[in-house]
Amino acid sequence: MENAGRLIKLTAIAARAACTIMQLVQARDGRSGQDAKITFSPAEIKILHAILPELEGKTALPKNPHPPETLA
């Protein structure tokens, strides 16, 4: 029973990660306009805003064209 419980927990973690990835892909492709708050906590959103300038680069091509508070 102990191993079955661990397997169930692992399955739940994997399912949540899969759902988050699907939401991010759909938002990136423009199929949803969901807020970032449904997937990320306020602290995580703050961190994402802080690291955004490093990840975007200096030219227009790698910049994120989506509104800042959306999942995209």
PDB file of N, CA and C in Angstrom:
ATOM      1  N   MET A   1       0.815  -1.202   0.000  1.00  0.00           N
ATOM      2  CA  MET A   1       0.000   0.000   0.000  1.00  0.00           C
ATOM      3  C   MET A   1       0.852   1.257   0.000  1.00  0.00           C
ATOM      4  N   GLU A   2       2.015   1.191   0.642  1.00  0.00           N
ATOM      5  CA  GLU A   2       2.860   2.376   0.699  1.00  0.00           C
ATOM      6  C   GLU A   2       3.325   2.787  -0.696  1.00  0.00           C
ATOM      7  N   ASN A   3       3.718   1.826  -1.514  1.00  0.00           N
ATOM      8  CA  ASN A   3       4.170   2.139  -2.862  1.00  0.00           C
ATOM      9  C   ASN A   3       3.028   2.627  -3.741  1.00  0.00           C
ATOM     10  N   ALA A   4       1.834   2.094  -3.552  1.00  0.00           N
ATOM     11  CA  ALA A   4       0.677   2.531  -4.335  1.00  0.00           C
ATOM     12  C   ALA A   4       0.355   3.994  -4.025  1.00  0.00           C
ATOM     13  N   GLY A   5       0.463   4.381  -2.775  1.00  0.00           N
ATOM     14  CA  GLY A   5       0.215   5.766  -2.398  1.00  0.00           C
ATOM     15  C   GLY A   5       1.204   6.715  -3.036  1.00  0.00           C
ATOM     16  N   ARG A   6       2.437   6.300  -3.090  1.00  0.00           N
ATOM     17  CA  ARG A   6       3.464   7.128  -3.736  1.00  0.00           C
ATOM     18  C   ARG A   6       3.205   7.254  -5.235  1.00  0.00           C
ATOM     19  N   LEU A   7       2.776   6.165  -5.840  1.00  0.00           N
ATOM     20  CA  LEU A   7       2.477   6.183  -7.266  1.00  0.00           C
ATOM     21  C   LEU A   7       1.298   7.105  -7.561  1.00  0.00           C
ATOM     22  N   ILE A   8       0.304   7.101  -6.709  1.00  0.00           N
ATOM     23  CA  ILE A   8      -0.855   7.986  -6.884  1.00  0.00           C
ATOM     24  C   ILE A   8      -0.426   9.449  -6.764  1.00  0.00           C
ATOM     25  N   LYS A   9       0.423   9.750  -5.798  1.00  0.00           N
ATOM     26  CA  LYS A   9       0.922  11.128  -5.642  1.00  0.00           C
ATOM     27  C   LYS A   9       1.730  11.553  -6.865  1.00  0.00           C
ATOM     28  N   LEU A  10       2.569  10.665  -7.358  1.00  0.00           N
ATOM     29  CA  LEU A  10       3.372  10.969  -8.540  1.00  0.00           C
ATOM     30  C   LEU A  10       2.481  11.208  -9.756  1.00  0.00           C
ATOM     31  N   THR A  11       1.426  10.396  -9.888  1.00  0.00           N
ATOM     32  CA  THR A  11       0.484  10.563 -10.989  1.00  0.00           C
ATOM     33  C   THR A  11      -0.232  11.905 -10.900  1.00  0.00           C
ATOM     34  N   ALA A  12      -0.610  12.314  -9.694  1.00  0.00           N
ATOM     35  CA  ALA A  12      -1.279  13.603  -9.507  1.00  0.00           C
ATOM     36  C   ALA A  12      -0.353  14.758  -9.866  1.00  0.00           C
ATOM     37  N   ILE A  13       0.906  14.672  -9.486  1.00  0.00           N
ATOM     38  CA  ILE A  13       1.882  15.718  -9.810  1.00  0.00           C
ATOM     39  C   ILE A  13       2.085  15.790 -11.325  1.00  0.00           C
ATOM     40  N   ALA A  14       2.197  14.641 -11.976  1.00  0.00           N
ATOM     41  CA  ALA A  14       2.389  14.610 -13.424  1.00  0.00           C
ATOM     42  C   ALA A  14       1.161  15.156 -14.155  1.00  0.00           C
ATOM     43  N   ALA A  15      -0.026  14.847 -13.662  1.00  0.00           N
ATOM     44  CA  ALA A  15      -1.252  15.346 -14.294  1.00  0.00           C
ATOM     45  C   ALA A  15      -1.351  16.865 -14.170  1.00  0.00           C
ATOM     46  N   ARG A  16      -0.991  17.391 -13.012  1.00  0.00           N
ATOM     47  CA  ARG A  16      -1.028  18.844 -12.840  1.00  0.00           C
ATOM     48  C   ARG A  16      -0.012  19.527 -13.764  1.00  0.00           C
ATOM     49  N   ALA A  17       1.181  18.966 -13.860  1.00  0.00           N
ATOM     50  CA  ALA A  17       2.199  19.526 -14.746  1.00  0.00           C
ATOM     51  C   ALA A  17       1.727  19.478 -16.208  1.00  0.00           C
ATOM     52  N   ALA A  18       1.092  18.384 -16.600  1.00  0.00           N
ATOM     53  CA  ALA A  18       0.596  18.263 -17.967  1.00  0.00           C
ATOM     54  C   ALA A  18      -0.479  19.305 -18.253  1.00  0.00           C
ATOM     55  N   CYS A  19      -1.371  19.540 -17.308  1.00  0.00           N
ATOM     56  CA  CYS A  19      -2.418  20.552 -17.483  1.00  0.00           C
ATOM     57  C   CYS A  19      -1.808  21.945 -17.621  1.00  0.00           C
ATOM     58  N   THR A  20      -0.822  22.252 -16.808  1.00  0.00           N
ATOM     59  CA  THR A  20      -0.154  23.555 -16.884  1.00  0.00           C
ATOM     60  C   THR A  20       0.520  23.738 -18.234  1.00  0.00           C
ATOM     61  N   ILE A  21       1.197  22.716 -18.706  1.00  0.00           N
ATOM     62  CA  ILE A  21       1.865  22.792 -20.003  1.00  0.00           C
ATOM     63  C   ILE A  21       0.851  22.989 -21.123  1.00  0.00           C
ATOM     64  N   MET A  22      -0.267  22.284 -21.059  1.00  0.00           N
ATOM     65  CA  MET A  22      -1.304  22.442 -22.085  1.00  0.00           C
ATOM     66  C   MET A  22      -1.866  23.866 -22.076  1.00  0.00           C
ATOM     67  N   GLN A  23      -2.069  24.436 -20.890  1.00  0.00           N
ATOM     68  CA  GLN A  23      -2.559  25.808 -20.797  1.00  0.00           C
ATOM     69  C   GLN A  23      -1.557  26.786 -21.399  1.00  0.00           C
ATOM     70  N   LEU A  24      -0.281  26.588 -21.115  1.00  0.00           N
ATOM     71  CA  LEU A  24       0.751  27.475 -21.646  1.00  0.00           C
ATOM     72  C   LEU A  24       0.849  27.383 -23.168  1.00  0.00           C
ATOM     73  N   VAL A  25       0.762  26.186 -23.714  1.00  0.00           N
ATOM     74  CA  VAL A  25       0.846  26.006 -25.163  1.00  0.00           C
ATOM     75  C   VAL A  25      -0.366  26.641 -25.846  1.00  0.00           C
ATOM     76  N   GLN A  26      -1.566  26.418 -25.287  1.00  0.00           N
ATOM     77  CA  GLN A  26      -2.767  27.018 -25.873  1.00  0.00           C
ATOM     78  C   GLN A  26      -2.702  28.542 -25.820  1.00  0.00           C
ATOM     79  N   ALA A  27      -2.200  29.094 -24.731  1.00  0.00           N
ATOM     80  CA  ALA A  27      -2.080  30.552 -24.607  1.00  0.00           C
ATOM     81  C   ALA A  27      -1.058  31.089 -25.603  1.00  0.00           C
ATOM     82  N   ARG A  28       0.044  30.391 -25.752  1.00  0.00           N
ATOM     83  CA  ARG A  28       1.081  30.821 -26.700  1.00  0.00           C
ATOM     84  C   ARG A  28       0.550  30.834 -28.124  1.00  0.00           C
ATOM     85  N   ASP A  29      -0.277  29.853 -28.460  1.00  0.00           N
ATOM     86  CA  ASP A  29      -0.822  29.741 -29.807  1.00  0.00           C
ATOM     87  C   ASP A  29      -2.007  30.673 -30.047  1.00  0.00           C
ATOM     88  N   GLY A  30      -2.408  31.419 -29.027  1.00  0.00           N
ATOM     89  CA  GLY A  30      -3.497  32.373 -29.171  1.00  0.00           C
ATOM     90  C   GLY A  30      -4.877  31.767 -29.051  1.00  0.00           C
ATOM     91  N   ARG A  31      -4.981  30.566 -28.514  1.00  0.00           N
ATOM     92  CA  ARG A  31      -6.283  29.907 -28.397  1.00  0.00           C
ATOM     93  C   ARG A  31      -6.980  30.194 -27.077  1.00  0.00           C
ATOM     94  N   SER A  32      -6.333  30.924 -26.185  1.00  0.00           N
ATOM     95  CA  SER A  32      -6.982  31.283 -24.923  1.00  0.00           C
ATOM     96  C   SER A  32      -6.431  32.624 -24.453  1.00  0.00           C
ATOM     97  N   GLY A  33      -7.237  33.336 -23.729  1.00  0.00           N
ATOM     98  CA  GLY A  33      -6.818  34.622 -23.188  1.00  0.00           C
ATOM     99  C   GLY A  33      -6.812  34.595 -21.675  1.00  0.00           C
ATOM    100  N   GLN A  34      -6.402  33.476 -21.102  1.00  0.00           N
ATOM    101  CA  GLN A  34      -6.465  33.279 -19.664  1.00  0.00           C
ATOM    102  C   GLN A  34      -5.449  34.142 -18.925  1.00  0.00           C
ATOM    103  N   ASP A  35      -5.834  34.530 -17.709  1.00  0.00           N
ATOM    104  CA  ASP A  35      -4.930  35.282 -16.840  1.00  0.00           C
ATOM    105  C   ASP A  35      -3.822  34.373 -16.323  1.00  0.00           C
ATOM    106  N   ALA A  36      -2.682  34.951 -16.052  1.00  0.00           N
ATOM    107  CA  ALA A  36      -1.560  34.190 -15.503  1.00  0.00           C
ATOM    108  C   ALA A  36      -1.864  33.691 -14.091  1.00  0.00           C
ATOM    109  N   LYS A  37      -2.808  34.338 -13.420  1.00  0.00           N
ATOM    110  CA  LYS A  37      -3.132  33.986 -12.034  1.00  0.00           C
ATOM    111  C   LYS A  37      -3.734  32.591 -11.889  1.00  0.00           C
ATOM    112  N   ILE A  38      -4.263  32.025 -12.971  1.00  0.00           N
ATOM    113  CA  ILE A  38      -4.851  30.690 -12.854  1.00  0.00           C
ATOM    114  C   ILE A  38      -3.792  29.601 -12.749  1.00  0.00           C
ATOM    115  N   THR A  39      -2.574  29.899 -13.189  1.00  0.00           N
ATOM    116  CA  THR A  39      -1.499  28.905 -13.158  1.00  0.00           C
ATOM    117  C   THR A  39      -0.392  29.263 -12.183  1.00  0.00           C
ATOM    118  N   PHE A  40      -0.081  30.557 -12.068  1.00  0.00           N
ATOM    119  CA  PHE A  40       1.038  30.995 -11.245  1.00  0.00           C
ATOM    120  C   PHE A  40       0.564  31.789 -10.034  1.00  0.00           C
ATOM    121  N   SER A  41       1.292  31.675  -8.943  1.00  0.00           N
ATOM    122  CA  SER A  41       0.992  32.452  -7.739  1.00  0.00           C
ATOM    123  C   SER A  41       1.481  33.888  -7.937  1.00  0.00           C
ATOM    124  N   PRO A  42       1.008  34.827  -7.122  1.00  0.00           N
ATOM    125  CA  PRO A  42       1.496  36.209  -7.246  1.00  0.00           C
ATOM    126  C   PRO A  42       3.018  36.323  -7.118  1.00  0.00           C
ATOM    127  N   ALA A  43       3.614  35.527  -6.253  1.00  0.00           N
ATOM    128  CA  ALA A  43       5.073  35.564  -6.102  1.00  0.00           C
ATOM    129  C   ALA A  43       5.769  35.065  -7.374  1.00  0.00           C
ATOM    130  N   GLU A  44       5.221  34.024  -7.997  1.00  0.00           N
ATOM    131  CA  GLU A  44       5.812  33.507  -9.232  1.00  0.00           C
ATOM    132  C   GLU A  44       5.670  34.511 -10.371  1.00  0.00           C
ATOM    133  N   ILE A  45       4.539  35.192 -10.432  1.00  0.00           N
ATOM    134  CA  ILE A  45       4.333  36.214 -11.458  1.00  0.00           C
ATOM    135  C   ILE A  45       5.331  37.355 -11.280  1.00  0.00           C
ATOM    136  N   LYS A  46       5.578  37.731 -10.038  1.00  0.00           N
ATOM    137  CA  LYS A  46       6.548  38.788  -9.752  1.00  0.00           C
ATOM    138  C   LYS A  46       7.949  38.381 -10.226  1.00  0.00           C
ATOM    139  N   ILE A  47       8.312  37.143  -9.986  1.00  0.00           N
ATOM    140  CA  ILE A  47       9.620  36.635 -10.425  1.00  0.00           C
ATOM    141  C   ILE A  47       9.695  36.600 -11.952  1.00  0.00           C
ATOM    142  N   LEU A  48       8.616  36.180 -12.597  1.00  0.00           N
ATOM    143  CA  LEU A  48       8.602  36.152 -14.058  1.00  0.00           C
ATOM    144  C   LEU A  48       8.793  37.546 -14.643  1.00  0.00           C
ATOM    145  N   HIS A  49       8.148  38.548 -14.028  1.00  0.00           N
ATOM    146  CA  HIS A  49       8.337  39.932 -14.491  1.00  0.00           C
ATOM    147  C   HIS A  49       9.784  40.389 -14.283  1.00  0.00           C
ATOM    148  N   ALA A  50      10.402  39.929 -13.205  1.00  0.00           N
ATOM    149  CA  ALA A  50      11.779  40.344 -12.907  1.00  0.00           C
ATOM    150  C   ALA A  50      12.781  39.753 -13.899  1.00  0.00           C
ATOM    151  N   ILE A  51      12.571  38.507 -14.330  1.00  0.00           N
ATOM    152  CA  ILE A  51      13.539  37.869 -15.232  1.00  0.00           C
ATOM    153  C   ILE A  51      13.213  38.097 -16.712  1.00  0.00           C
ATOM    154  N   LEU A  52      12.053  38.667 -16.999  1.00  0.00           N
ATOM    155  CA  LEU A  52      11.655  38.895 -18.387  1.00  0.00           C
ATOM    156  C   LEU A  52      12.669  39.692 -19.201  1.00  0.00           C
ATOM    157  N   PRO A  53      13.213  40.803 -18.700  1.00  0.00           N
ATOM    158  CA  PRO A  53      14.187  41.558 -19.516  1.00  0.00           C
ATOM    159  C   PRO A  53      15.419  40.733 -19.912  1.00  0.00           C
ATOM    160  N   GLU A  54      15.858  39.833 -19.050  1.00  0.00           N
ATOM    161  CA  GLU A  54      17.014  38.989 -19.368  1.00  0.00           C
ATOM    162  C   GLU A  54      16.688  38.007 -20.490  1.00  0.00           C
ATOM    163  N   LEU A  55      15.477  37.478 -20.462  1.00  0.00           N
ATOM    164  CA  LEU A  55      15.102  36.436 -21.411  1.00  0.00           C
ATOM    165  C   LEU A  55      14.682  36.975 -22.768  1.00  0.00           C
ATOM    166  N   GLU A  56      14.187  38.200 -22.814  1.00  0.00           N
ATOM    167  CA  GLU A  56      13.671  38.744 -24.059  1.00  0.00           C
ATOM    168  C   GLU A  56      14.750  39.138 -25.056  1.00  0.00           C
ATOM    169  N   GLY A  57      15.869  39.579 -24.601  1.00  0.00           N
ATOM    170  CA  GLY A  57      16.899  40.025 -25.526  1.00  0.00           C
ATOM    171  C   GLY A  57      16.720  41.488 -25.890  1.00  0.00           C
ATOM    172  N   LYS A  58      17.502  41.950 -26.832  1.00  0.00           N
ATOM    173  CA  LYS A  58      17.522  43.377 -27.160  1.00  0.00           C
ATOM    174  C   LYS A  58      16.785  43.718 -28.452  1.00  0.00           C
ATOM    175  N   THR A  59      16.555  42.744 -29.315  1.00  0.00           N
ATOM    176  CA  THR A  59      15.856  43.025 -30.564  1.00  0.00           C
ATOM    177  C   THR A  59      14.366  42.758 -30.417  1.00  0.00           C
ATOM    178  N   ALA A  60      13.574  43.157 -31.405  1.00  0.00           N
ATOM    179  CA  ALA A  60      12.124  43.012 -31.329  1.00  0.00           C
ATOM    180  C   ALA A  60      11.667  41.567 -31.513  1.00  0.00           C
ATOM    181  N   LEU A  61      12.418  40.772 -32.221  1.00  0.00           N
ATOM    182  CA  LEU A  61      11.997  39.409 -32.534  1.00  0.00           C
ATOM    183  C   LEU A  61      11.772  38.527 -31.294  1.00  0.00           C
ATOM    184  N   PRO A  62      12.697  38.473 -30.329  1.00  0.00           N
ATOM    185  CA  PRO A  62      12.460  37.590 -29.186  1.00  0.00           C
ATOM    186  C   PRO A  62      11.554  38.180 -28.097  1.00  0.00           C
ATOM    187  N   LYS A  63      11.028  39.375 -28.281  1.00  0.00           N
ATOM    188  CA  LYS A  63      10.171  39.983 -27.263  1.00  0.00           C
ATOM    189  C   LYS A  63       8.808  39.316 -27.250  1.00  0.00           C
ATOM    190  N   ASN A  64       8.214  39.230 -26.080  1.00  0.00           N
ATOM    191  CA  ASN A  64       6.899  38.629 -25.905  1.00  0.00           C
ATOM    192  C   ASN A  64       5.826  39.599 -26.418  1.00  0.00           C
ATOM    193  N   PRO A  65       5.062  39.217 -27.451  1.00  0.00           N
ATOM    194  CA  PRO A  65       4.068  40.130 -28.013  1.00  0.00           C
ATOM    195  C   PRO A  65       2.740  40.132 -27.257  1.00  0.00           C
ATOM    196  N   HIS A  66       2.599  39.298 -26.257  1.00  0.00           N
ATOM    197  CA  HIS A  66       1.339  39.129 -25.537  1.00  0.00           C
ATOM    198  C   HIS A  66       1.221  40.120 -24.373  1.00  0.00           C
ATOM    199  N   PRO A  67      -0.019  40.424 -23.950  1.00  0.00           N
ATOM    200  CA  PRO A  67      -0.211  41.305 -22.796  1.00  0.00           C
ATOM    201  C   PRO A  67       0.483  40.741 -21.547  1.00  0.00           C
ATOM    202  N   PRO A  68       0.996  41.596 -20.674  1.00  0.00           N
ATOM    203  CA  PRO A  68       1.830  41.139 -19.563  1.00  0.00           C
ATOM    204  C   PRO A  68       1.134  40.272 -18.510  1.00  0.00           C
ATOM    205  N   GLU A  69      -0.132  40.436 -18.264  1.00  0.00           N
ATOM    206  CA  GLU A  69      -0.785  39.670 -17.195  1.00  0.00           C
ATOM    207  C   GLU A  69      -1.542  38.460 -17.699  1.00  0.00           C
ATOM    208  N   THR A  70      -1.298  38.051 -18.944  1.00  0.00           N
ATOM    209  CA  THR A  70      -1.949  36.871 -19.465  1.00  0.00           C
ATOM    210  C   THR A  70      -1.011  35.670 -19.413  1.00  0.00           C
ATOM    211  N   LEU A  71      -1.588  34.507 -19.563  1.00  0.00           N
ATOM    212  CA  LEU A  71      -0.794  33.296 -19.516  1.00  0.00           C
ATOM    213  C   LEU A  71       0.174  33.209 -20.688  1.00  0.00           C
ATOM    214  N   ALA A  72      -0.192  33.813 -21.802  1.00  0.00           N
ATOM    215  CA  ALA A  72       0.684  33.789 -22.971  1.00  0.00           C
ATOM    216  C   ALA A  72       1.953  34.585 -22.700  1.00  0.00           C
TER     217      ALA A  72
END
